[in-house]
Protein backbone atom coordinates (compact mmCIF):
# COMPACT_ATOMS: atom_id res chain seq x y z
CA MET A 1 4.96 18.16 -1.38
CA PHE A 2 1.95 17.25 0.79
CA ARG A 3 2.10 17.98 4.49
CA PHE A 4 0.35 15.80 7.04
CA LYS A 5 0.29 16.01 10.83
CA GLN A 6 3.80 14.64 11.43
CA PHE A 7 5.26 14.06 7.96
CA SER A 8 5.56 15.38 4.42
CA ILE A 9 5.31 13.30 1.28
CA SER A 10 6.30 13.71 -2.35
CA ASP A 11 4.36 12.14 -5.23
CA GLU A 12 6.29 13.49 -8.22
CA ARG A 13 7.61 10.13 -9.53
CA SER A 14 4.74 7.77 -8.76
CA ALA A 15 2.09 7.01 -11.38
CA MET A 16 -0.67 7.40 -8.79
CA LYS A 17 -0.77 10.70 -6.99
CA ILE A 18 -1.97 11.22 -3.44
CA GLY A 19 -5.75 11.01 -3.45
CA THR A 20 -8.82 10.77 -1.28
CA ASP A 21 -9.01 6.95 -1.36
CA GLY A 22 -5.52 6.49 0.07
CA VAL A 23 -5.99 9.16 2.73
CA LEU A 24 -9.31 7.62 3.79
CA LEU A 25 -7.82 4.12 4.00
CA GLY A 26 -4.87 5.41 6.02
CA ALA A 27 -7.26 7.09 8.46
CA TRP A 28 -9.88 4.30 8.56
CA ALA A 29 -7.90 1.04 8.88
CA ASP A 30 -7.92 -0.11 12.50
CA VAL A 31 -4.26 -0.90 13.22
CA GLU A 32 -4.40 -0.76 17.01
CA GLY A 33 -2.31 -3.60 18.43
CA ASP A 34 -0.91 -4.65 15.05
CA ARG A 35 2.78 -5.52 15.11
CA ARG A 36 3.38 -6.24 11.38
CA ILE A 37 1.51 -4.52 8.56
CA LEU A 38 1.86 -5.01 4.79
CA ASP A 39 0.88 -2.19 2.43
CA VAL A 40 0.13 -3.76 -0.97
CA GLY A 41 0.72 -1.34 -3.85
CA THR A 42 2.36 1.17 -1.55
CA GLY A 43 2.97 3.75 -4.29
CA THR A 44 4.33 6.86 -2.57
CA GLY A 45 4.10 5.17 0.82
CA LEU A 46 1.21 7.39 1.94
CA ILE A 47 -0.86 4.69 3.66
CA ALA A 48 2.20 3.10 5.31
CA LEU A 49 3.24 6.51 6.66
CA MET A 50 -0.24 7.26 7.98
CA LEU A 51 -0.35 3.88 9.72
CA ALA A 52 3.12 4.41 11.19
CA GLN A 53 1.90 7.74 12.57
CA ARG A 54 -1.14 6.03 14.14
CA ASN A 55 0.63 2.95 15.54
CA ALA A 56 3.94 3.66 17.27
CA ASP A 57 4.91 -0.02 17.53
CA ALA A 58 4.13 -1.49 14.11
CA GLU A 59 6.72 -2.58 11.58
CA ILE A 60 5.31 -1.71 8.16
CA VAL A 61 6.40 -3.16 4.84
CA GLY A 62 5.34 -1.61 1.54
CA VAL A 63 5.44 -3.61 -1.68
CA ASP A 64 4.94 -2.26 -5.19
CA ILE A 65 5.60 -3.48 -8.71
CA SER A 66 6.76 -0.06 -9.91
CA HIS A 67 10.44 0.81 -9.54
CA GLU A 68 9.65 4.55 -9.59
CA ALA A 69 7.07 4.16 -6.82
CA ILE A 70 9.47 2.12 -4.67
CA GLU A 71 12.18 4.77 -5.00
CA GLU A 72 9.74 7.52 -4.05
CA ALA A 73 8.30 5.54 -1.12
CA ARG A 74 11.83 4.79 0.13
CA ASP A 75 12.68 8.51 0.04
CA ASN A 76 9.42 9.42 1.77
CA PHE A 77 10.08 6.79 4.46
CA LEU A 78 13.65 8.00 5.03
CA ASN A 79 12.39 11.57 5.46
CA SER A 80 9.84 10.54 8.09
CA PRO A 81 10.18 10.15 11.86
CA TRP A 82 9.50 6.39 11.47
CA ALA A 83 12.22 5.38 8.97
CA LYS A 84 13.44 2.56 11.23
CA ARG A 85 10.01 0.87 11.20
CA LEU A 86 9.29 1.25 7.48
CA SER A 87 10.69 -0.75 4.57
CA VAL A 88 9.84 -1.29 0.91
CA THR A 89 10.18 -4.19 -1.50
CA GLU A 90 9.95 -3.99 -5.26
CA GLY A 91 8.01 -6.77 -6.94
CA ASP A 92 4.72 -8.48 -7.59
CA VAL A 93 2.92 -9.09 -4.31
CA CYS A 94 1.65 -12.43 -5.65
CA SER A 95 5.21 -13.77 -5.43
CA PHE A 96 6.17 -11.79 -2.31
CA GLU A 97 7.59 -13.95 0.47
CA SER A 98 7.97 -13.16 4.16
CA ASN A 99 9.51 -15.18 6.97
CA GLU A 100 6.85 -13.84 9.31
CA LYS A 101 3.09 -13.53 8.86
CA PHE A 102 1.35 -10.15 9.02
CA ASP A 103 -1.32 -8.95 11.43
CA HIS A 104 -2.86 -6.64 8.84
CA ILE A 105 -2.71 -6.10 5.10
CA VAL A 106 -3.92 -2.79 3.68
CA SER A 107 -4.36 -1.94 0.03
CA ASN A 108 -5.85 0.68 -2.21
CA PRO A 109 -5.68 -1.80 -5.10
CA PRO A 110 -6.13 -1.27 -8.82
CA TYR A 111 -9.87 -1.49 -9.35
CA PHE A 112 -10.76 -0.67 -12.97
CA VAL A 113 -11.81 -3.98 -14.54
CA ASP A 114 -12.99 -3.46 -18.12
CA SER A 115 -12.30 0.20 -18.75
CA LEU A 116 -10.08 1.98 -21.24
CA PRO A 117 -6.41 1.74 -20.17
CA SER A 118 -4.24 4.82 -19.91
CA PRO A 119 -1.55 5.46 -22.54
CA ASP A 120 0.84 5.62 -19.55
CA LYS A 121 1.80 1.99 -18.76
CA LEU A 122 2.62 2.71 -15.10
CA ARG A 123 -0.71 4.47 -14.56
CA THR A 124 -2.54 1.52 -16.15
CA MET A 125 -0.74 -0.91 -13.80
CA ALA A 126 -1.70 1.23 -10.81
CA ARG A 127 -5.35 1.60 -11.78
CA HIS A 128 -6.42 -1.55 -13.67
CA THR A 129 -6.91 -5.07 -12.30
CA SER A 130 -4.82 -6.50 -15.13
CA SER A 131 -1.81 -6.12 -12.81
CA LEU A 132 -3.53 -7.37 -9.61
CA THR A 133 -6.98 -8.97 -9.59
CA PHE A 134 -9.22 -9.00 -6.53
CA ASP A 135 -8.84 -12.80 -6.36
CA ASP A 136 -5.04 -12.41 -6.42
CA LEU A 137 -5.23 -9.92 -3.56
CA VAL A 138 -7.43 -12.21 -1.44
CA SER A 139 -5.19 -15.24 -2.15
CA THR A 140 -2.14 -13.21 -1.18
CA ALA A 141 -3.84 -12.10 2.04
CA GLU A 142 -4.75 -15.71 2.90
CA ARG A 143 -1.12 -16.74 2.39
CA LEU A 144 0.56 -13.84 4.27
CA LEU A 145 -1.83 -13.12 7.17
CA HIS A 146 -1.96 -14.71 10.61
CA ASP A 147 -5.12 -16.74 11.20
CA GLU A 148 -6.63 -13.75 13.01
CA GLY A 149 -5.16 -11.20 10.57
CA ARG A 150 -7.22 -8.59 8.73
CA LEU A 151 -7.38 -7.25 5.18
CA SER A 152 -8.48 -3.62 4.72
CA VAL A 153 -9.15 -2.36 1.19
CA ILE A 154 -10.98 0.38 -0.63
CA LEU A 155 -13.08 -0.89 -3.53
CA PRO A 156 -15.89 0.54 -5.63
CA ALA A 157 -19.28 -0.78 -4.41
CA ASP A 158 -19.92 -2.69 -7.64
CA SER A 159 -16.59 -4.53 -7.26
CA ALA A 160 -16.89 -5.36 -3.58
């Protein structure tokens, strides 16, 4: 169990554990004034929870392809002070539909391109672009964001 300022989070079931990249993105993304935020590849829900802590008005939706991650994020959301503003959806973000556009999309996406995959299938999906390419992420953002919406991601310099 990891403890943050106003919440605790478990990462026992998710393929990707809580790490520096996610914590930095959750602290760095400027969500002031955002009403609807989408967390792509939410995993444990860490970034969504950090953004909920920083923006008291935002509705935040997490989406992830991993059933285990969705279950863990749902539990982490329910155990937080912001459970009413947080929701999760299981599935591929490339086919994710929403009746309303988002003000902001955040993602700590898979970023290994041509490296050796892990023997753990879920870890490979979470870390390698075979499950979500950078082009797919940008196309999804173009489709789901308001005209003035923003996309915040963490990428290695050589991939950016």
